[in-house]
Protein backbone atom coordinates (compact mmCIF):
# COMPACT_ATOMS: atom_id res chain seq x y z
CA UNK A 1 17.20 3.39 0.46
CA UNK A 2 18.23 1.83 -2.79
CA UNK A 3 20.97 2.39 -5.29
CA UNK A 4 21.35 1.41 -8.90
CA UNK A 5 23.81 -1.36 -8.05
CA UNK A 6 22.54 -2.77 -4.81
CA UNK A 7 19.35 -2.61 -2.84
CA UNK A 8 19.91 -1.55 0.74
CA UNK A 9 16.97 -1.20 3.09
CA UNK A 10 18.21 1.27 5.69
CA UNK A 11 15.00 1.21 7.72
CA UNK A 12 15.16 -2.56 7.89
CA UNK A 13 18.80 -2.58 8.97
CA UNK A 14 18.70 0.43 11.27
CA UNK A 15 15.05 1.31 12.00
CA UNK A 16 15.74 3.54 15.02
CA UNK A 17 18.69 5.53 13.76
CA UNK A 18 18.38 9.24 13.11
CA UNK A 19 18.21 9.99 9.40
CA UNK A 20 21.49 11.93 9.33
CA UNK A 21 23.32 9.05 10.96
CA UNK A 22 21.79 6.59 8.49
CA UNK A 23 22.95 8.80 5.59
CA UNK A 24 26.44 8.91 7.05
CA UNK A 25 26.50 5.12 7.40
CA UNK A 26 25.39 4.69 3.79
CA UNK A 27 28.24 6.95 2.70
CA UNK A 28 30.62 4.76 4.70
CA UNK A 29 29.20 1.50 3.33
CA UNK A 30 28.98 2.75 -0.26
CA UNK A 31 31.83 5.29 -0.58
CA UNK A 32 31.34 5.72 -4.33
CA UNK A 33 27.81 7.06 -3.71
CA UNK A 34 27.10 10.58 -2.58
CA UNK A 35 24.01 10.98 -0.39
CA UNK A 36 22.93 14.55 0.18
CA UNK A 37 20.42 15.74 2.75
CA UNK A 38 19.66 19.02 0.98
CA UNK A 39 17.16 18.26 -1.74
CA UNK A 40 14.60 20.35 -3.62
CA UNK A 41 10.94 20.22 -2.61
CA UNK A 42 8.10 20.07 -5.07
CA UNK A 43 6.44 23.36 -6.03
CA UNK A 44 3.13 24.24 -4.36
CA UNK A 45 1.18 23.66 -7.58
CA UNK A 46 2.17 19.98 -7.30
CA UNK A 47 0.17 19.78 -4.09
CA UNK A 48 -2.96 21.04 -5.82
CA UNK A 49 -2.50 18.61 -8.71
CA UNK A 50 -2.15 15.74 -6.25
CA UNK A 51 -5.11 16.78 -4.09
CA UNK A 52 -7.49 17.19 -7.02
CA UNK A 53 -6.51 13.95 -8.75
CA UNK A 54 -9.50 11.59 -8.56
CA UNK A 55 -9.15 8.71 -6.12
CA UNK A 56 -10.62 5.57 -7.61
CA UNK A 57 -10.43 3.83 -4.24
CA UNK A 58 -12.60 6.52 -2.66
CA UNK A 59 -15.05 6.58 -5.60
CA UNK A 60 -15.51 2.79 -5.63
CA UNK A 61 -15.69 2.55 -1.83
CA UNK A 62 -18.30 5.31 -1.69
CA UNK A 63 -20.37 3.61 -4.40
CA UNK A 64 -20.24 0.28 -2.51
CA UNK A 65 -21.10 1.98 0.78
CA UNK A 66 -23.98 3.86 -0.86
CA UNK A 67 -25.32 0.65 -2.39
CA UNK A 68 -25.17 -1.43 0.81
CA UNK A 69 -25.68 1.44 3.30
CA UNK A 70 -24.28 -0.42 6.31
CA UNK A 71 -25.52 0.45 9.77
CA UNK A 72 -22.62 0.77 12.23
CA UNK A 73 -23.24 1.22 15.96
CA UNK A 74 -26.95 1.70 15.19
CA UNK A 75 -26.20 4.73 13.00
CA UNK A 76 -28.34 4.43 9.86
CA UNK A 77 -26.35 6.91 7.74
CA UNK A 78 -22.92 5.60 8.73
CA UNK A 79 -21.98 5.03 5.08
CA UNK A 80 -21.40 8.71 4.40
CA UNK A 81 -19.33 9.06 7.59
CA UNK A 82 -17.13 6.16 6.46
CA UNK A 83 -16.85 7.76 3.02
CA UNK A 84 -15.82 11.10 4.56
CA UNK A 85 -13.22 9.42 6.81
CA UNK A 86 -11.75 7.57 3.82
CA UNK A 87 -11.67 10.84 1.84
CA UNK A 88 -9.80 12.60 4.67
CA UNK A 89 -7.31 9.73 5.01
CA UNK A 90 -6.58 9.85 1.27
CA UNK A 91 -6.15 13.64 1.35
CA UNK A 92 -3.79 13.44 4.35
CA UNK A 93 -1.79 10.68 2.65
CA UNK A 94 -1.40 12.85 -0.45
CA UNK A 95 -0.40 15.85 1.66
CA UNK A 96 2.25 13.79 3.46
CA UNK A 97 3.49 12.43 0.13
CA UNK A 98 3.85 16.00 -1.14
CA UNK A 99 5.70 17.09 2.01
CA UNK A 100 8.09 14.12 1.89
CA UNK A 101 8.84 14.14 -1.85
CA UNK A 102 12.19 15.67 -2.73
CA UNK A 103 14.73 15.38 -5.53
CA UNK A 104 18.18 16.51 -6.53
CA UNK A 105 20.18 16.21 -9.69
CA UNK A 106 23.86 16.87 -9.19
CA UNK A 107 27.10 16.11 -10.94
CA UNK A 108 26.82 12.37 -11.64
CA UNK A 109 24.11 11.43 -9.12
CA UNK A 110 20.34 11.63 -9.02
CA UNK A 111 18.44 11.25 -5.78
CA UNK A 112 14.69 10.88 -5.08
CA UNK A 113 12.92 10.74 -1.75
CA UNK A 114 9.25 9.71 -1.90
CA UNK A 115 6.51 8.37 0.33
CA UNK A 116 3.74 9.38 2.69
CA UNK A 117 3.64 7.32 5.90
CA UNK A 118 7.00 5.72 5.14
CA UNK A 119 9.64 7.17 2.87
CA UNK A 120 12.17 5.66 0.54
CA UNK A 121 15.36 7.22 -0.73
CA UNK A 122 16.70 6.30 -4.15
CA UNK A 123 20.26 7.28 -5.11
CA UNK A 124 21.97 6.27 -8.32
CA UNK A 125 24.83 7.20 -10.57
CA UNK A 126 24.27 8.41 -14.10
CA UNK A 127 26.24 5.52 -15.61
CA UNK A 128 23.90 2.99 -13.92
CA UNK A 129 20.82 4.47 -15.61
CA UNK A 130 19.85 2.80 -18.88
CA UNK A 131 16.79 4.94 -19.65
CA UNK A 132 15.11 8.16 -18.56
CA UNK A 133 11.52 9.01 -19.24
CA UNK A 134 9.49 12.20 -18.99
CA UNK A 135 5.70 12.07 -19.24
CA UNK A 136 3.03 14.73 -18.94
CA UNK A 137 -0.71 14.31 -18.59
CA UNK A 138 -3.21 17.02 -19.54
CA UNK A 139 -3.33 18.59 -16.07
CA UNK A 140 0.46 18.59 -15.79
CA UNK A 141 0.71 20.29 -19.19
CA UNK A 142 -1.69 23.05 -18.07
CA UNK A 143 0.31 23.88 -14.93
CA UNK A 144 3.87 23.26 -16.19
CA UNK A 145 4.66 20.00 -14.42
CA UNK A 146 5.90 16.58 -15.51
CA UNK A 147 6.62 13.09 -14.21
CA UNK A 148 10.16 11.80 -14.48
CA UNK A 149 11.37 8.24 -14.30
CA UNK A 150 14.57 6.25 -14.53
CA UNK A 151 15.32 2.64 -15.32
CA UNK A 152 18.47 1.29 -13.72
CA UNK A 153 20.73 -1.57 -14.53
CA UNK A 154 20.19 -4.06 -11.70
CA UNK A 155 18.90 -7.55 -11.07
CA UNK A 156 15.96 -7.14 -11.50
CA UNK A 157 15.81 -3.87 -13.44
CA UNK A 158 14.84 -1.04 -11.08
CA UNK A 159 12.29 1.66 -11.97
CA UNK A 160 12.21 4.88 -9.95
CA UNK A 161 10.69 8.29 -10.44
CA UNK A 162 8.87 11.33 -9.12
CA UNK A 163 5.52 12.75 -10.21
CA UNK A 164 4.59 16.42 -10.54
CA UNK A 165 8.07 17.94 -10.78
CA UNK A 166 8.71 21.30 -12.48
CA UNK A 167 9.09 21.11 -16.24
CA UNK A 168 12.54 22.71 -15.93
CA UNK A 169 13.78 19.66 -14.00
CA UNK A 170 12.48 17.37 -16.73
CA UNK A 171 14.41 19.33 -19.36
CA UNK A 172 17.59 19.37 -17.28
CA UNK A 173 17.22 15.62 -16.66
CA UNK A 174 17.64 14.96 -20.39
CA UNK A 175 20.68 17.24 -20.57
CA UNK A 176 22.15 15.59 -17.45
CA UNK A 177 21.55 12.12 -18.91
CA UNK A 178 23.18 13.04 -22.25
CA UNK A 179 26.47 13.58 -20.39
CA UNK A 180 26.40 9.82 -19.81
CA UNK A 181 28.04 9.36 -23.22
CA UNK A 182 31.34 10.58 -21.78
CA UNK A 183 31.20 8.11 -18.88
CA UNK A 184 30.17 4.89 -20.62
CA UNK A 185 32.83 2.68 -22.14
CA UNK A 186 31.60 0.08 -24.62
CA UNK A 187 33.71 -3.06 -24.74
């Protein structure tokens, strides 16, 4: 878990704690931060966008395997089995990433949870964010999705974001960020 001010690795500090207990401890350690367990999941169309995105690792690995055609355990056509296993692993990783990705935008906090085999939770206050960014590729434009990102004041500067969120969230992110004007005091 990380915040805009400090970086706090919960899994490193407390790797065997239940998630709810870890959230409660973070709230105790950082009382000015609000960690919520109820976050919004990505829409189902995000899963399809993620699954059909080309995997350059799989393409390159398959090309190398096809070129060298290694024989494993005396199986002459083992290259296509290895390619299929890699394809399945990539698809499962993307499915897990979809299932674990969540977000919430509330009052003065934004919170992202991302990851496939391991997850990370990012929580920050609006006044710690120095920039927000919304991008859309061609596929995202066709299905009404976007990628959002934040840049936080920290040492070093921290970038965080979520891909394939609903376009409505991207629009509300800008409106939410504009309220920052009332919270920032320039000296």
